[in-house]
Amino acid sequence: MARHGLKATRQRTLIFETFYAAGGHLSAEELLERVRLEDPKISQATVYRTLRLLTECGLAEARNFGDGQTRYEIASDEHHDHLICTECGRIEEFEDPEIEALQEKVARAHGFEMTYHKMELYGVCPECRSK
């Protein structure tokens, strides 16, 4: 955090470590629940402020997957897309070079120079289908 100009307070450090240990795709409320297992006194405002700071300095990315909640994931230089279960809310990251190449091909065919994209596929995960 210090490398990115953030003061590393005890509470911020706990929030940061908890977020990174979880691997991302957490809402602020989910992160707050996990952080309070270690420090019940941490406020909701502190978690929200810390997530905003992590996002602003490029350590986290905010994502909206259509469920009305902002979720946060660890910022990465590696591109990935998402599979989202509409039953349980599970979010799985995936990479597929064939899909990436096809997206570039489609963009070029339409005279479009693609600079960025995100792809989210919605469906029902194997666990929910087996219920």
N, C-alpha and C. Protein backbone atom coordinates (compact mmCIF):
# COMPACT_ATOMS: atom_id res chain seq x y z
N MET A 1 0.83 -1.19 0.00
CA MET A 1 0.00 0.00 0.00
C MET A 1 0.87 1.26 0.00
N ALA A 2 1.95 1.24 0.77
CA ALA A 2 2.82 2.41 0.86
C ALA A 2 3.41 2.76 -0.51
N ARG A 3 3.71 1.74 -1.34
CA ARG A 3 4.24 1.99 -2.68
C ARG A 3 3.28 2.81 -3.53
N HIS A 4 2.00 2.72 -3.19
CA HIS A 4 0.96 3.42 -3.95
C HIS A 4 0.51 4.70 -3.25
N GLY A 5 1.27 5.13 -2.25
CA GLY A 5 0.97 6.39 -1.57
C GLY A 5 -0.11 6.30 -0.51
N LEU A 6 -0.44 5.09 -0.08
CA LEU A 6 -1.46 4.94 0.95
C LEU A 6 -0.81 4.72 2.31
N LYS A 7 -1.31 5.43 3.29
CA LYS A 7 -0.85 5.23 4.66
C LYS A 7 -1.34 3.85 5.13
N ALA A 8 -0.42 3.05 5.61
CA ALA A 8 -0.77 1.68 6.01
C ALA A 8 -1.16 1.62 7.48
N THR A 9 -2.38 2.04 7.78
CA THR A 9 -2.87 1.93 9.15
C THR A 9 -3.16 0.47 9.46
N ARG A 10 -3.32 0.16 10.72
CA ARG A 10 -3.61 -1.21 11.12
C ARG A 10 -4.90 -1.71 10.47
N GLN A 11 -5.94 -0.87 10.49
CA GLN A 11 -7.22 -1.28 9.91
C GLN A 11 -7.14 -1.45 8.40
N ARG A 12 -6.48 -0.52 7.72
CA ARG A 12 -6.33 -0.65 6.26
C ARG A 12 -5.54 -1.91 5.91
N THR A 13 -4.50 -2.17 6.69
CA THR A 13 -3.69 -3.36 6.42
C THR A 13 -4.52 -4.62 6.58
N LEU A 14 -5.34 -4.69 7.61
CA LEU A 14 -6.21 -5.85 7.82
C LEU A 14 -7.20 -5.99 6.66
N ILE A 15 -7.80 -4.89 6.24
CA ILE A 15 -8.76 -4.93 5.13
C ILE A 15 -8.06 -5.38 3.85
N PHE A 16 -6.90 -4.81 3.58
CA PHE A 16 -6.10 -5.14 2.40
C PHE A 16 -5.74 -6.63 2.40
N GLU A 17 -5.22 -7.13 3.51
CA GLU A 17 -4.80 -8.53 3.60
C GLU A 17 -5.99 -9.48 3.47
N THR A 18 -7.11 -9.12 4.07
CA THR A 18 -8.32 -9.96 3.99
C THR A 18 -8.84 -10.00 2.56
N PHE A 19 -8.86 -8.85 1.90
CA PHE A 19 -9.31 -8.76 0.51
C PHE A 19 -8.44 -9.62 -0.40
N TYR A 20 -7.13 -9.49 -0.28
CA TYR A 20 -6.23 -10.25 -1.15
C TYR A 20 -6.26 -11.74 -0.84
N ALA A 21 -6.43 -12.10 0.42
CA ALA A 21 -6.52 -13.53 0.78
C ALA A 21 -7.78 -14.16 0.19
N ALA A 22 -8.85 -13.37 0.08
CA ALA A 22 -10.11 -13.88 -0.47
C ALA A 22 -10.03 -14.09 -1.98
N GLY A 23 -9.14 -13.40 -2.64
CA GLY A 23 -9.00 -13.55 -4.08
C GLY A 23 -9.93 -12.69 -4.91
N GLY A 24 -10.71 -11.85 -4.27
CA GLY A 24 -11.55 -10.92 -5.01
C GLY A 24 -12.98 -11.37 -5.21
N HIS A 25 -13.72 -10.57 -6.00
CA HIS A 25 -15.15 -10.75 -6.26
C HIS A 25 -15.98 -10.66 -4.99
N LEU A 26 -15.54 -9.83 -4.07
CA LEU A 26 -16.27 -9.62 -2.82
C LEU A 26 -17.01 -8.28 -2.88
N SER A 27 -18.19 -8.25 -2.30
CA SER A 27 -18.86 -6.97 -2.10
C SER A 27 -18.25 -6.34 -0.85
N ALA A 28 -18.50 -5.06 -0.66
CA ALA A 28 -18.00 -4.38 0.54
C ALA A 28 -18.58 -5.05 1.79
N GLU A 29 -19.84 -5.47 1.72
CA GLU A 29 -20.48 -6.11 2.87
C GLU A 29 -19.84 -7.45 3.19
N GLU A 30 -19.52 -8.22 2.15
CA GLU A 30 -18.85 -9.51 2.38
C GLU A 30 -17.46 -9.31 2.97
N LEU A 31 -16.75 -8.31 2.47
CA LEU A 31 -15.43 -8.02 3.02
C LEU A 31 -15.54 -7.56 4.47
N LEU A 32 -16.52 -6.73 4.77
CA LEU A 32 -16.74 -6.27 6.14
C LEU A 32 -16.97 -7.45 7.08
N GLU A 33 -17.80 -8.41 6.67
CA GLU A 33 -18.05 -9.60 7.49
C GLU A 33 -16.75 -10.34 7.80
N ARG A 34 -15.91 -10.53 6.79
CA ARG A 34 -14.65 -11.26 6.98
C ARG A 34 -13.68 -10.48 7.86
N VAL A 35 -13.62 -9.17 7.64
CA VAL A 35 -12.70 -8.33 8.43
C VAL A 35 -13.12 -8.32 9.89
N ARG A 36 -14.43 -8.27 10.14
CA ARG A 36 -14.92 -8.22 11.52
C ARG A 36 -14.66 -9.52 12.29
N LEU A 37 -14.34 -10.60 11.61
CA LEU A 37 -13.93 -11.81 12.31
C LEU A 37 -12.62 -11.58 13.04
N GLU A 38 -11.78 -10.70 12.51
CA GLU A 38 -10.49 -10.36 13.12
C GLU A 38 -10.59 -9.14 14.03
N ASP A 39 -11.41 -8.16 13.62
CA ASP A 39 -11.55 -6.92 14.38
C ASP A 39 -13.00 -6.45 14.30
N PRO A 40 -13.82 -6.83 15.29
CA PRO A 40 -15.24 -6.48 15.27
C PRO A 40 -15.53 -4.98 15.30
N LYS A 41 -14.53 -4.17 15.61
CA LYS A 41 -14.75 -2.72 15.74
C LYS A 41 -14.59 -1.96 14.43
N ILE A 42 -14.12 -2.62 13.39
CA ILE A 42 -13.94 -1.91 12.11
C ILE A 42 -15.30 -1.52 11.55
N SER A 43 -15.41 -0.26 11.15
CA SER A 43 -16.70 0.24 10.67
C SER A 43 -16.90 -0.03 9.18
N GLN A 44 -18.15 0.00 8.80
CA GLN A 44 -18.51 -0.16 7.39
C GLN A 44 -17.87 0.95 6.56
N ALA A 45 -17.88 2.17 7.09
CA ALA A 45 -17.31 3.31 6.38
C ALA A 45 -15.82 3.11 6.11
N THR A 46 -15.10 2.53 7.05
CA THR A 46 -13.67 2.28 6.87
C THR A 46 -13.43 1.29 5.74
N VAL A 47 -14.25 0.25 5.67
CA VAL A 47 -14.11 -0.73 4.59
C VAL A 47 -14.42 -0.07 3.24
N TYR A 48 -15.50 0.70 3.16
CA TYR A 48 -15.85 1.38 1.91
C TYR A 48 -14.75 2.35 1.48
N ARG A 49 -14.24 3.14 2.43
CA ARG A 49 -13.18 4.10 2.10
C ARG A 49 -11.93 3.39 1.61
N THR A 50 -11.58 2.29 2.29
CA THR A 50 -10.37 1.55 1.91
C THR A 50 -10.54 0.94 0.52
N LEU A 51 -11.70 0.38 0.23
CA LEU A 51 -11.93 -0.17 -1.12
C LEU A 51 -11.85 0.93 -2.17
N ARG A 52 -12.40 2.09 -1.87
CA ARG A 52 -12.32 3.21 -2.81
C ARG A 52 -10.86 3.60 -3.05
N LEU A 53 -10.07 3.68 -1.98
CA LEU A 53 -8.65 4.01 -2.12
C LEU A 53 -7.90 2.95 -2.91
N LEU A 54 -8.17 1.68 -2.63
CA LEU A 54 -7.51 0.59 -3.36
C LEU A 54 -7.86 0.65 -4.85
N THR A 55 -9.10 1.01 -5.14
CA THR A 55 -9.53 1.13 -6.53
C THR A 55 -8.87 2.33 -7.20
N GLU A 56 -8.85 3.46 -6.51
CA GLU A 56 -8.26 4.67 -7.07
C GLU A 56 -6.77 4.52 -7.36
N CYS A 57 -6.07 3.76 -6.53
CA CYS A 57 -4.62 3.62 -6.76
C CYS A 57 -4.28 2.41 -7.62
N GLY A 58 -5.30 1.70 -8.12
CA GLY A 58 -5.07 0.62 -9.08
C GLY A 58 -4.78 -0.74 -8.49
N LEU A 59 -5.02 -0.92 -7.19
CA LEU A 59 -4.80 -2.23 -6.57
C LEU A 59 -6.04 -3.12 -6.64
N ALA A 60 -7.20 -2.51 -6.86
CA ALA A 60 -8.47 -3.25 -6.95
C ALA A 60 -9.28 -2.67 -8.10
N GLU A 61 -10.22 -3.47 -8.59
CA GLU A 61 -11.14 -3.01 -9.63
C GLU A 61 -12.56 -3.27 -9.17
N ALA A 62 -13.42 -2.30 -9.40
CA ALA A 62 -14.84 -2.45 -9.07
C ALA A 62 -15.55 -3.07 -10.26
N ARG A 63 -16.41 -4.03 -10.01
CA ARG A 63 -17.17 -4.71 -11.07
C ARG A 63 -18.64 -4.75 -10.68
N ASN A 64 -19.49 -4.62 -11.67
CA ASN A 64 -20.93 -4.75 -11.48
C ASN A 64 -21.40 -5.89 -12.37
N PHE A 65 -21.96 -6.92 -11.75
CA PHE A 65 -22.38 -8.11 -12.49
C PHE A 65 -23.90 -8.22 -12.60
N GLY A 66 -24.61 -7.11 -12.46
CA GLY A 66 -26.04 -7.12 -12.68
C GLY A 66 -26.88 -7.56 -11.50
N ASP A 67 -26.25 -7.75 -10.33
CA ASP A 67 -27.02 -8.16 -9.16
C ASP A 67 -27.26 -6.99 -8.20
N GLY A 68 -26.93 -5.78 -8.64
CA GLY A 68 -27.15 -4.60 -7.82
C GLY A 68 -26.06 -4.32 -6.81
N GLN A 69 -25.04 -5.17 -6.76
CA GLN A 69 -23.94 -4.99 -5.82
C GLN A 69 -22.65 -4.77 -6.57
N THR A 70 -21.87 -3.82 -6.10
CA THR A 70 -20.53 -3.67 -6.65
C THR A 70 -19.64 -4.70 -5.98
N ARG A 71 -18.89 -5.41 -6.78
CA ARG A 71 -17.94 -6.39 -6.26
C ARG A 71 -16.55 -5.93 -6.65
N TYR A 72 -15.60 -6.31 -5.85
CA TYR A 72 -14.22 -5.87 -6.06
C TYR A 72 -13.34 -7.07 -6.31
N GLU A 73 -12.41 -6.90 -7.25
CA GLU A 73 -11.45 -7.95 -7.53
C GLU A 73 -10.06 -7.34 -7.56
N ILE A 74 -9.08 -8.19 -7.38
CA ILE A 74 -7.69 -7.76 -7.39
C ILE A 74 -7.35 -7.28 -8.80
N ALA A 75 -6.78 -6.09 -8.90
CA ALA A 75 -6.39 -5.56 -10.21
C ALA A 75 -5.26 -6.42 -10.77
N SER A 76 -5.34 -6.64 -12.07
CA SER A 76 -4.35 -7.49 -12.72
C SER A 76 -4.08 -6.98 -14.12
N ASP A 77 -2.86 -7.16 -14.57
CA ASP A 77 -2.52 -6.83 -15.96
C ASP A 77 -3.01 -7.91 -16.91
N GLU A 78 -3.34 -9.07 -16.37
CA GLU A 78 -3.81 -10.20 -17.18
C GLU A 78 -5.31 -10.05 -17.43
N HIS A 79 -5.70 -10.07 -18.71
CA HIS A 79 -7.11 -9.97 -19.05
C HIS A 79 -7.82 -11.29 -18.74
N HIS A 80 -9.05 -11.18 -18.29
CA HIS A 80 -9.88 -12.37 -18.08
C HIS A 80 -11.34 -11.97 -18.23
N ASP A 81 -12.18 -12.95 -18.43
CA ASP A 81 -13.61 -12.75 -18.53
C ASP A 81 -14.27 -13.50 -17.37
N HIS A 82 -15.61 -13.41 -17.29
CA HIS A 82 -16.31 -13.97 -16.13
C HIS A 82 -17.49 -14.85 -16.52
N LEU A 83 -17.67 -15.92 -15.77
CA LEU A 83 -18.87 -16.75 -15.79
C LEU A 83 -19.60 -16.45 -14.48
N ILE A 84 -20.88 -16.10 -14.55
CA ILE A 84 -21.63 -15.71 -13.36
C ILE A 84 -22.87 -16.59 -13.24
N CYS A 85 -23.00 -17.26 -12.09
CA CYS A 85 -24.17 -18.11 -11.85
C CYS A 85 -25.34 -17.24 -11.41
N THR A 86 -26.45 -17.37 -12.10
CA THR A 86 -27.64 -16.57 -11.79
C THR A 86 -28.41 -17.13 -10.60
N GLU A 87 -28.04 -18.33 -10.15
CA GLU A 87 -28.71 -18.93 -9.00
C GLU A 87 -28.01 -18.58 -7.68
N CYS A 88 -26.71 -18.86 -7.60
CA CYS A 88 -25.99 -18.67 -6.33
C CYS A 88 -25.07 -17.46 -6.33
N GLY A 89 -24.85 -16.85 -7.49
CA GLY A 89 -24.00 -15.68 -7.57
C GLY A 89 -22.51 -15.96 -7.71
N ARG A 90 -22.15 -17.22 -7.80
CA ARG A 90 -20.73 -17.58 -7.96
C ARG A 90 -20.16 -16.91 -9.20
N ILE A 91 -18.94 -16.41 -9.08
CA ILE A 91 -18.27 -15.76 -10.20
C ILE A 91 -16.96 -16.49 -10.45
N GLU A 92 -16.79 -16.95 -11.67
CA GLU A 92 -15.58 -17.69 -12.04
C GLU A 92 -14.88 -16.94 -13.17
N GLU A 93 -13.58 -16.76 -13.02
CA GLU A 93 -12.79 -16.12 -14.07
C GLU A 93 -12.33 -17.17 -15.07
N PHE A 94 -12.23 -16.76 -16.34
CA PHE A 94 -11.68 -17.66 -17.35
C PHE A 94 -10.96 -16.85 -18.42
N GLU A 95 -10.08 -17.53 -19.12
CA GLU A 95 -9.37 -16.96 -20.26
C GLU A 95 -9.50 -17.95 -21.41
N ASP A 96 -9.75 -17.44 -22.61
CA ASP A 96 -9.85 -18.31 -23.77
C ASP A 96 -9.28 -17.57 -24.98
N PRO A 97 -8.10 -17.98 -25.44
CA PRO A 97 -7.46 -17.30 -26.58
C PRO A 97 -8.31 -17.32 -27.85
N GLU A 98 -9.09 -18.37 -28.06
CA GLU A 98 -9.94 -18.43 -29.25
C GLU A 98 -11.02 -17.36 -29.21
N ILE A 99 -11.62 -17.15 -28.04
CA ILE A 99 -12.64 -16.11 -27.90
C ILE A 99 -12.02 -14.74 -28.11
N GLU A 100 -10.85 -14.53 -27.53
CA GLU A 100 -10.16 -13.24 -27.69
C GLU A 100 -9.88 -12.96 -29.16
N ALA A 101 -9.39 -13.97 -29.88
CA ALA A 101 -9.09 -13.81 -31.31
C ALA A 101 -10.36 -13.52 -32.10
N LEU A 102 -11.45 -14.21 -31.76
CA LEU A 102 -12.72 -13.99 -32.46
C LEU A 102 -13.23 -12.57 -32.22
N GLN A 103 -13.10 -12.07 -31.01
CA GLN A 103 -13.55 -10.71 -30.72
C GLN A 103 -12.76 -9.69 -31.55
N GLU A 104 -11.46 -9.90 -31.66
CA GLU A 104 -10.62 -9.02 -32.48
C GLU A 104 -11.06 -9.09 -33.95
N LYS A 105 -11.33 -10.30 -34.42
CA LYS A 105 -11.74 -10.51 -35.81
C LYS A 105 -13.07 -9.80 -36.10
N VAL A 106 -14.03 -9.93 -35.19
CA VAL A 106 -15.33 -9.28 -35.35
C VAL A 106 -15.16 -7.76 -35.37
N ALA A 107 -14.35 -7.24 -34.46
CA ALA A 107 -14.12 -5.79 -34.41
C ALA A 107 -13.52 -5.30 -35.73
N ARG A 108 -12.50 -6.00 -36.22
CA ARG A 108 -11.85 -5.61 -37.48
C ARG A 108 -12.83 -5.68 -38.65
N ALA A 109 -13.67 -6.71 -38.68
CA ALA A 109 -14.64 -6.88 -39.77
C ALA A 109 -15.62 -5.71 -39.84
N HIS A 110 -15.82 -5.05 -38.71
CA HIS A 110 -16.72 -3.90 -38.66
C HIS A 110 -15.96 -2.58 -38.69
N GLY A 111 -14.65 -2.66 -38.99
CA GLY A 111 -13.84 -1.45 -39.06
C GLY A 111 -13.60 -0.80 -37.71
N PHE A 112 -13.72 -1.59 -36.67
CA PHE A 112 -13.64 -1.08 -35.30
C PHE A 112 -12.28 -1.43 -34.72
N GLU A 113 -11.62 -0.47 -34.13
CA GLU A 113 -10.37 -0.74 -33.44
C GLU A 113 -10.68 -0.91 -31.95
N MET A 114 -10.64 -2.15 -31.50
CA MET A 114 -10.99 -2.45 -30.12
C MET A 114 -9.84 -2.04 -29.20
N THR A 115 -10.17 -1.29 -28.18
CA THR A 115 -9.17 -0.88 -27.20
C THR A 115 -9.35 -1.58 -25.86
N TYR A 116 -10.57 -2.06 -25.60
CA TYR A 116 -10.87 -2.69 -24.33
C TYR A 116 -12.18 -3.42 -24.48
N HIS A 117 -12.36 -4.47 -23.70
CA HIS A 117 -13.66 -5.13 -23.65
C HIS A 117 -13.78 -5.88 -22.33
N LYS A 118 -15.01 -6.23 -22.02
CA LYS A 118 -15.25 -7.15 -20.91
C LYS A 118 -16.38 -8.07 -21.35
N MET A 119 -16.26 -9.32 -20.95
CA MET A 119 -17.28 -10.28 -21.31
C MET A 119 -17.74 -10.98 -20.04
N GLU A 120 -19.04 -11.05 -19.89
CA GLU A 120 -19.65 -11.73 -18.75
C GLU A 120 -20.69 -12.70 -19.31
N LEU A 121 -20.54 -13.96 -18.98
CA LEU A 121 -21.49 -14.98 -19.40
C LEU A 121 -22.32 -15.39 -18.19
N TYR A 122 -23.63 -15.32 -18.33
CA TYR A 122 -24.54 -15.64 -17.23
C TYR A 122 -25.20 -16.98 -17.49
N GLY A 123 -25.32 -17.78 -16.44
CA GLY A 123 -25.94 -19.09 -16.56
C GLY A 123 -26.03 -19.74 -15.19
N VAL A 124 -26.14 -21.06 -15.17
CA VAL A 124 -26.28 -21.80 -13.92
C VAL A 124 -25.06 -22.71 -13.78
N CYS A 125 -24.38 -22.60 -12.64
CA CYS A 125 -23.16 -23.37 -12.40
C CYS A 125 -23.48 -24.86 -12.19
N PRO A 126 -22.47 -25.72 -12.29
CA PRO A 126 -22.70 -27.16 -12.13
C PRO A 126 -23.31 -27.53 -10.77
N GLU A 127 -22.89 -26.85 -9.70
CA GLU A 127 -23.43 -27.17 -8.37
C GLU A 127 -24.93 -26.87 -8.29
N CYS A 128 -25.33 -25.72 -8.82
CA CYS A 128 -26.76 -25.36 -8.78
C CYS A 128 -27.58 -26.25 -9.71
N ARG A 129 -27.02 -26.64 -10.84
CA ARG A 129 -27.74 -27.53 -11.76
C ARG A 129 -27.96 -28.90 -11.15
N SER A 130 -27.06 -29.34 -10.29
CA SER A 130 -27.18 -30.69 -9.72
C SER A 130 -28.14 -30.74 -8.53
N LYS A 131 -28.64 -29.61 -8.10
CA LYS A 131 -29.57 -29.58 -6.95
C LYS A 131 -30.97 -29.99 -7.37
